Protein backbone atom coordinates (compact mmCIF):
# COMPACT_ATOMS: atom_id res chain seq x y z
CA UNK A 1 0.00 0.00 0.00
CA UNK A 2 1.51 3.33 -1.09
CA UNK A 3 1.35 6.38 1.15
CA UNK A 4 0.56 9.65 -0.52
CA UNK A 5 3.27 12.13 0.52
CA UNK A 6 1.37 15.24 -0.55
CA UNK A 7 -0.36 17.07 2.30
CA UNK A 8 -4.10 17.19 2.30
CA UNK A 9 -6.03 20.41 2.14
CA UNK A 10 -6.99 20.00 5.83
CA UNK A 11 -3.32 19.74 6.81
CA UNK A 12 -2.47 22.89 4.86
CA UNK A 13 -5.29 24.78 6.54
CA UNK A 14 -4.29 23.49 9.98
CA UNK A 15 -0.66 24.57 9.63
CA UNK A 16 -1.63 27.93 8.12
CA UNK A 17 -3.97 28.55 11.08
CA UNK A 18 -1.29 27.48 13.59
CA UNK A 19 1.23 29.78 11.89
CA UNK A 20 -1.21 32.71 11.98
CA UNK A 21 -1.97 32.13 15.68
CA UNK A 22 1.74 31.96 16.51
CA UNK A 23 2.42 35.20 14.63
CA UNK A 24 -0.49 36.91 16.38
CA UNK A 25 0.79 35.74 19.78
CA UNK A 26 4.32 36.95 19.06
CA UNK A 27 3.02 40.32 17.81
CA UNK A 28 0.88 40.80 20.95
CA UNK A 29 3.86 39.98 23.17
CA UNK A 30 6.12 42.40 21.26
CA UNK A 31 3.47 45.15 21.46
CA UNK A 32 3.07 44.60 25.22
CA UNK A 33 6.86 44.76 25.72
CA UNK A 34 7.08 47.95 23.65
CA UNK A 35 4.24 49.57 25.61
CA UNK A 36 5.92 48.66 28.91
CA UNK A 37 9.23 50.18 27.76
CA UNK A 38 7.50 53.38 26.62
CA UNK A 39 5.62 53.67 29.92
CA UNK A 40 8.84 53.16 31.89
CA UNK A 41 10.69 55.81 29.85
CA UNK A 42 7.80 58.26 30.15
CA UNK A 43 8.34 58.54 33.91
CA UNK A 44 12.05 59.34 33.62
CA UNK A 45 13.75 62.70 33.46
CA UNK A 46 14.63 63.56 29.86
CA UNK A 47 17.79 65.30 31.07
CA UNK A 48 19.40 62.64 33.29
CA UNK A 49 17.12 59.56 33.29
CA UNK A 50 16.20 59.72 36.99
CA UNK A 51 12.70 58.59 37.97
CA UNK A 52 10.39 61.60 38.16
CA UNK A 53 8.36 62.40 41.26
CA UNK A 54 4.83 63.66 40.73
CA UNK A 55 3.53 66.50 42.88
CA UNK A 56 0.42 68.61 42.63
CA UNK A 57 0.50 72.35 42.26
CA UNK A 58 -2.61 74.46 41.56
CA UNK A 59 -4.62 71.39 40.55
CA UNK A 60 -1.95 70.33 38.05
CA UNK A 61 0.30 67.30 38.44
CA UNK A 62 3.88 68.43 37.88
CA UNK A 63 6.69 65.94 37.33
CA UNK A 64 9.85 66.89 39.17
CA UNK A 65 13.31 65.37 38.97
CA UNK A 66 14.89 64.94 42.40
CA UNK A 67 18.38 64.82 40.84
CA UNK A 68 18.54 67.90 38.60
CA UNK A 69 15.46 69.59 40.09
CA UNK A 70 13.96 70.04 36.62
CA UNK A 71 10.21 70.50 36.32
CA UNK A 72 8.33 68.82 33.49
CA UNK A 73 4.80 69.60 32.33
CA UNK A 74 2.58 67.46 30.13
CA UNK A 75 0.68 68.90 27.19
CA UNK A 76 -1.94 71.38 28.32
CA UNK A 77 -0.66 71.77 31.88
CA UNK A 78 1.01 75.11 31.21
CA UNK A 79 -2.28 76.47 29.90
CA UNK A 80 -4.04 75.29 33.06
CA UNK A 81 -1.41 77.05 35.15
CA UNK A 82 -1.72 80.16 32.97
CA UNK A 83 -5.48 80.24 33.48
CA UNK A 84 -4.92 80.36 37.21
CA UNK A 85 -1.96 82.76 37.02
CA UNK A 86 -4.18 85.82 37.45
CA UNK A 87 -4.67 84.69 41.03
CA UNK A 88 -0.96 84.03 41.62
CA UNK A 89 1.71 86.69 41.75
CA UNK A 90 4.56 84.63 43.22
CA UNK A 91 6.89 82.19 41.53
CA UNK A 92 4.24 80.54 39.34
CA UNK A 93 3.03 83.90 38.04
CA UNK A 94 6.55 85.07 37.18
CA UNK A 95 7.34 81.74 35.55
CA UNK A 96 4.25 81.99 33.38
CA UNK A 97 5.12 85.57 32.41
CA UNK A 98 8.48 84.32 31.11
CA UNK A 99 6.71 81.83 28.84
CA UNK A 100 4.16 84.41 27.68
CA UNK A 101 6.88 86.86 26.63
CA UNK A 102 8.39 84.36 24.14
C-alpha atoms as a PDB file:
ATOM      1  CA  UNK A   1       0.000   0.000   0.000  1.00  0.00           C
ATOM      2  CA  UNK A   2       1.509   3.326  -1.092  1.00  0.00           C
ATOM      3  CA  UNK A   3       1.350   6.378   1.149  1.00  0.00           C
ATOM      4  CA  UNK A   4       0.559   9.652  -0.516  1.00  0.00           C
ATOM      5  CA  UNK A   5       3.266  12.135   0.523  1.00  0.00           C
ATOM      6  CA  UNK A   6       1.374  15.243  -0.552  1.00  0.00           C
ATOM      7  CA  UNK A   7      -0.357  17.070   2.295  1.00  0.00           C
ATOM      8  CA  UNK A   8      -4.096  17.189   2.298  1.00  0.00           C
ATOM      9  CA  UNK A   9      -6.030  20.415   2.140  1.00  0.00           C
ATOM     10  CA  UNK A  10      -6.988  20.001   5.829  1.00  0.00           C
ATOM     11  CA  UNK A  11      -3.318  19.741   6.806  1.00  0.00           C
ATOM     12  CA  UNK A  12      -2.466  22.890   4.861  1.00  0.00           C
ATOM     13  CA  UNK A  13      -5.293  24.785   6.539  1.00  0.00           C
ATOM     14  CA  UNK A  14      -4.293  23.486   9.976  1.00  0.00           C
ATOM     15  CA  UNK A  15      -0.659  24.574   9.628  1.00  0.00           C
ATOM     16  CA  UNK A  16      -1.632  27.927   8.122  1.00  0.00           C
ATOM     17  CA  UNK A  17      -3.973  28.549  11.084  1.00  0.00           C
ATOM     18  CA  UNK A  18      -1.294  27.477  13.587  1.00  0.00           C
ATOM     19  CA  UNK A  19       1.232  29.780  11.893  1.00  0.00           C
ATOM     20  CA  UNK A  20      -1.214  32.715  11.979  1.00  0.00           C
ATOM     21  CA  UNK A  21      -1.972  32.131  15.675  1.00  0.00           C
ATOM     22  CA  UNK A  22       1.742  31.958  16.505  1.00  0.00           C
ATOM     23  CA  UNK A  23       2.424  35.202  14.628  1.00  0.00           C
ATOM     24  CA  UNK A  24      -0.486  36.907  16.384  1.00  0.00           C
ATOM     25  CA  UNK A  25       0.786  35.735  19.779  1.00  0.00           C
ATOM     26  CA  UNK A  26       4.324  36.953  19.061  1.00  0.00           C
ATOM     27  CA  UNK A  27       3.017  40.316  17.808  1.00  0.00           C
ATOM     28  CA  UNK A  28       0.878  40.798  20.948  1.00  0.00           C
ATOM     29  CA  UNK A  29       3.857  39.982  23.169  1.00  0.00           C
ATOM     30  CA  UNK A  30       6.117  42.405  21.258  1.00  0.00           C
ATOM     31  CA  UNK A  31       3.469  45.151  21.461  1.00  0.00           C
ATOM     32  CA  UNK A  32       3.072  44.597  25.218  1.00  0.00           C
ATOM     33  CA  UNK A  33       6.856  44.761  25.722  1.00  0.00           C
ATOM     34  CA  UNK A  34       7.079  47.946  23.646  1.00  0.00           C
ATOM     35  CA  UNK A  35       4.240  49.567  25.607  1.00  0.00           C
ATOM     36  CA  UNK A  36       5.916  48.656  28.912  1.00  0.00           C
ATOM     37  CA  UNK A  37       9.226  50.185  27.763  1.00  0.00           C
ATOM     38  CA  UNK A  38       7.500  53.379  26.624  1.00  0.00           C
ATOM     39  CA  UNK A  39       5.620  53.671  29.924  1.00  0.00           C
ATOM     40  CA  UNK A  40       8.843  53.155  31.886  1.00  0.00           C
ATOM     41  CA  UNK A  41      10.685  55.810  29.847  1.00  0.00           C
ATOM     42  CA  UNK A  42       7.804  58.261  30.155  1.00  0.00           C
ATOM     43  CA  UNK A  43       8.336  58.536  33.909  1.00  0.00           C
ATOM     44  CA  UNK A  44      12.052  59.344  33.621  1.00  0.00           C
ATOM     45  CA  UNK A  45      13.748  62.702  33.464  1.00  0.00           C
ATOM     46  CA  UNK A  46      14.632  63.562  29.855  1.00  0.00           C
ATOM     47  CA  UNK A  47      17.785  65.296  31.072  1.00  0.00           C
ATOM     48  CA  UNK A  48      19.396  62.636  33.286  1.00  0.00           C
ATOM     49  CA  UNK A  49      17.119  59.562  33.289  1.00  0.00           C
ATOM     50  CA  UNK A  50      16.202  59.719  36.991  1.00  0.00           C
ATOM     51  CA  UNK A  51      12.695  58.590  37.965  1.00  0.00           C
ATOM     52  CA  UNK A  52      10.390  61.604  38.159  1.00  0.00           C
ATOM     53  CA  UNK A  53       8.363  62.396  41.257  1.00  0.00           C
ATOM     54  CA  UNK A  54       4.825  63.663  40.730  1.00  0.00           C
ATOM     55  CA  UNK A  55       3.530  66.501  42.884  1.00  0.00           C
ATOM     56  CA  UNK A  56       0.420  68.612  42.628  1.00  0.00           C
ATOM     57  CA  UNK A  57       0.499  72.354  42.260  1.00  0.00           C
ATOM     58  CA  UNK A  58      -2.613  74.464  41.563  1.00  0.00           C
ATOM     59  CA  UNK A  59      -4.619  71.387  40.553  1.00  0.00           C
ATOM     60  CA  UNK A  60      -1.945  70.327  38.048  1.00  0.00           C
ATOM     61  CA  UNK A  61       0.301  67.304  38.441  1.00  0.00           C
ATOM     62  CA  UNK A  62       3.881  68.431  37.883  1.00  0.00           C
ATOM     63  CA  UNK A  63       6.685  65.935  37.325  1.00  0.00           C
ATOM     64  CA  UNK A  64       9.845  66.894  39.169  1.00  0.00           C
ATOM     65  CA  UNK A  65      13.314  65.373  38.968  1.00  0.00           C
ATOM     66  CA  UNK A  66      14.889  64.943  42.403  1.00  0.00           C
ATOM     67  CA  UNK A  67      18.379  64.816  40.843  1.00  0.00           C
ATOM     68  CA  UNK A  68      18.543  67.900  38.595  1.00  0.00           C
ATOM     69  CA  UNK A  69      15.462  69.587  40.091  1.00  0.00           C
ATOM     70  CA  UNK A  70      13.956  70.037  36.621  1.00  0.00           C
ATOM     71  CA  UNK A  71      10.207  70.500  36.321  1.00  0.00           C
ATOM     72  CA  UNK A  72       8.329  68.815  33.486  1.00  0.00           C
ATOM     73  CA  UNK A  73       4.802  69.599  32.334  1.00  0.00           C
ATOM     74  CA  UNK A  74       2.581  67.463  30.133  1.00  0.00           C
ATOM     75  CA  UNK A  75       0.680  68.899  27.192  1.00  0.00           C
ATOM     76  CA  UNK A  76      -1.942  71.382  28.322  1.00  0.00           C
ATOM     77  CA  UNK A  77      -0.663  71.769  31.875  1.00  0.00           C
ATOM     78  CA  UNK A  78       1.010  75.112  31.206  1.00  0.00           C
ATOM     79  CA  UNK A  79      -2.276  76.472  29.901  1.00  0.00           C
ATOM     80  CA  UNK A  80      -4.044  75.291  33.062  1.00  0.00           C
ATOM     81  CA  UNK A  81      -1.413  77.046  35.150  1.00  0.00           C
ATOM     82  CA  UNK A  82      -1.722  80.156  32.970  1.00  0.00           C
ATOM     83  CA  UNK A  83      -5.480  80.244  33.480  1.00  0.00           C
ATOM     84  CA  UNK A  84      -4.921  80.364  37.215  1.00  0.00           C
ATOM     85  CA  UNK A  85      -1.962  82.763  37.016  1.00  0.00           C
ATOM     86  CA  UNK A  86      -4.180  85.817  37.452  1.00  0.00           C
ATOM     87  CA  UNK A  87      -4.667  84.686  41.035  1.00  0.00           C
ATOM     88  CA  UNK A  88      -0.959  84.033  41.618  1.00  0.00           C
ATOM     89  CA  UNK A  89       1.707  86.686  41.752  1.00  0.00           C
ATOM     90  CA  UNK A  90       4.561  84.630  43.220  1.00  0.00           C
ATOM     91  CA  UNK A  91       6.887  82.195  41.529  1.00  0.00           C
ATOM     92  CA  UNK A  92       4.241  80.540  39.339  1.00  0.00           C
ATOM     93  CA  UNK A  93       3.033  83.895  38.041  1.00  0.00           C
ATOM     94  CA  UNK A  94       6.553  85.075  37.177  1.00  0.00           C
ATOM     95  CA  UNK A  95       7.337  81.737  35.554  1.00  0.00           C
ATOM     96  CA  UNK A  96       4.251  81.995  33.383  1.00  0.00           C
ATOM     97  CA  UNK A  97       5.125  85.566  32.411  1.00  0.00           C
ATOM     98  CA  UNK A  98       8.477  84.323  31.114  1.00  0.00           C
ATOM     99  CA  UNK A  99       6.710  81.827  28.836  1.00  0.00           C
ATOM    100  CA  UNK A 100       4.162  84.407  27.684  1.00  0.00           C
ATOM    101  CA  UNK A 101       6.879  86.858  26.635  1.00  0.00           C
ATOM    102  CA  UNK A 102       8.386  84.362  24.138  1.00  0.00           C
END
